[in-house]
Protein backbone atom coordinates (compact mmCIF):
# COMPACT_ATOMS: atom_id res chain seq x y z
CA MET A 1 -128.53 -14.68 -71.66
CA LYS A 2 -126.72 -17.91 -70.84
CA THR A 3 -123.52 -16.46 -72.29
CA LEU A 4 -123.83 -13.39 -70.09
CA LEU A 5 -124.38 -15.49 -66.97
CA LEU A 6 -121.46 -17.75 -67.84
CA THR A 7 -119.21 -14.74 -68.43
CA CYS A 8 -120.19 -13.20 -65.08
CA ALA A 9 -119.60 -16.50 -63.31
CA CYS A 10 -116.15 -16.85 -64.89
CA ILE A 11 -115.16 -13.31 -63.95
CA THR A 12 -116.34 -13.86 -60.39
CA LEU A 13 -114.42 -17.11 -60.05
CA PHE A 14 -111.27 -15.63 -61.54
CA SER A 15 -111.42 -12.59 -59.26
CA ALA A 16 -112.02 -14.70 -56.16
CA THR A 17 -109.24 -17.13 -57.06
CA THR A 18 -106.74 -14.35 -57.63
CA ALA A 19 -107.55 -12.71 -54.32
CA LEU A 20 -107.53 -15.98 -52.40
CA ALA A 21 -104.27 -17.10 -53.94
CA CYS A 22 -102.27 -14.18 -52.54
CA ARG A 23 -101.22 -14.85 -48.99
CA GLY A 24 -99.56 -11.45 -48.53
CA THR A 25 -102.61 -9.50 -49.61
CA ALA A 26 -104.70 -11.39 -47.08
CA GLU A 27 -102.23 -11.55 -44.19
CA TYR A 28 -100.64 -8.09 -44.08
CA PRO A 29 -103.86 -6.44 -42.77
CA GLN A 30 -104.43 -9.31 -40.32
CA VAL A 31 -100.90 -9.04 -38.93
CA ALA A 32 -101.31 -5.27 -38.54
CA VAL A 33 -104.31 -5.90 -36.30
CA GLN A 34 -102.44 -8.60 -34.35
CA LEU A 35 -99.51 -6.24 -33.87
CA ALA A 36 -101.76 -3.46 -32.57
CA GLN A 37 -103.37 -5.89 -30.12
CA SER A 38 -100.11 -7.48 -28.97
CA ASP A 39 -98.59 -6.90 -25.56
CA LEU A 40 -95.22 -5.82 -26.98
CA SER A 41 -93.68 -2.56 -25.79
CA ALA A 42 -94.53 0.61 -27.68
CA ALA A 43 -90.97 0.80 -29.00
CA ASP A 44 -91.08 -2.79 -30.29
CA LYS A 45 -94.48 -2.18 -31.88
CA GLU A 46 -93.15 0.91 -33.64
CA VAL A 47 -90.18 -0.98 -35.09
CA LEU A 48 -92.35 -3.88 -36.23
CA ALA A 49 -94.98 -1.53 -37.67
CA LYS A 50 -92.32 0.12 -39.82
CA SER A 51 -91.11 -3.28 -40.99
CA LEU A 52 -94.68 -4.29 -41.72
CA GLN A 53 -95.27 -1.15 -43.80
CA ALA A 54 -92.04 -1.71 -45.72
CA GLY A 55 -92.91 -5.36 -46.35
CA GLU A 56 -96.39 -4.49 -47.54
CA ALA A 57 -94.97 -1.85 -49.89
CA ILE A 58 -92.58 -4.43 -51.32
CA HIS A 59 -95.49 -6.82 -51.74
CA ARG A 60 -97.61 -4.26 -53.58
CA ARG A 61 -94.65 -3.42 -55.81
CA GLY A 62 -94.24 -7.13 -56.50
CA HIS A 63 -97.80 -7.26 -57.76
CA GLU A 64 -97.35 -4.12 -59.86
CA LEU A 65 -94.24 -5.57 -61.50
CA ASP A 66 -95.53 -9.14 -61.46
CA SER A 67 -92.37 -10.07 -59.55
CA GLN A 68 -92.53 -13.34 -57.65
CA GLU A 69 -89.13 -12.50 -56.13
CA LEU A 70 -90.41 -9.29 -54.53
CA ARG A 71 -93.53 -11.01 -53.23
CA GLN A 72 -91.44 -13.80 -51.70
CA GLU A 73 -89.15 -11.23 -50.07
CA SER A 74 -92.18 -9.53 -48.57
CA LEU A 75 -93.51 -12.83 -47.24
CA LYS A 76 -90.21 -13.46 -45.45
CA ILE A 77 -90.60 -10.08 -43.75
CA LEU A 78 -94.19 -10.93 -42.87
CA ASP A 79 -93.19 -14.30 -41.37
CA GLU A 80 -90.44 -12.68 -39.28
CA ILE A 81 -92.93 -10.18 -37.88
CA LYS A 82 -95.46 -12.92 -37.13
CA THR A 83 -92.78 -14.85 -35.26
CA LYS A 84 -91.88 -11.82 -33.15
CA ILE A 85 -95.53 -11.13 -32.32
CA ALA A 86 -96.09 -14.75 -31.25
CA ARG A 87 -93.28 -14.69 -28.66
């Protein structure tokens, strides 16, 4: 019984750590909400939404391929979008 509880605890901690460690996975949905709520023009929102979708796709692909380079590229896109929303 103790072994089962310890195994469950380890799996839970590993899963939580993996999810928390990925900034892109956490921030892409948040930035999508911020973009939708921003006071940018409809045209600007459309351009940024397309960039956001492309960046998120690159990020997902980076996870699929375990490519740090792709994930970093996607985070640069994310940071650029966040900067434009904050203006």
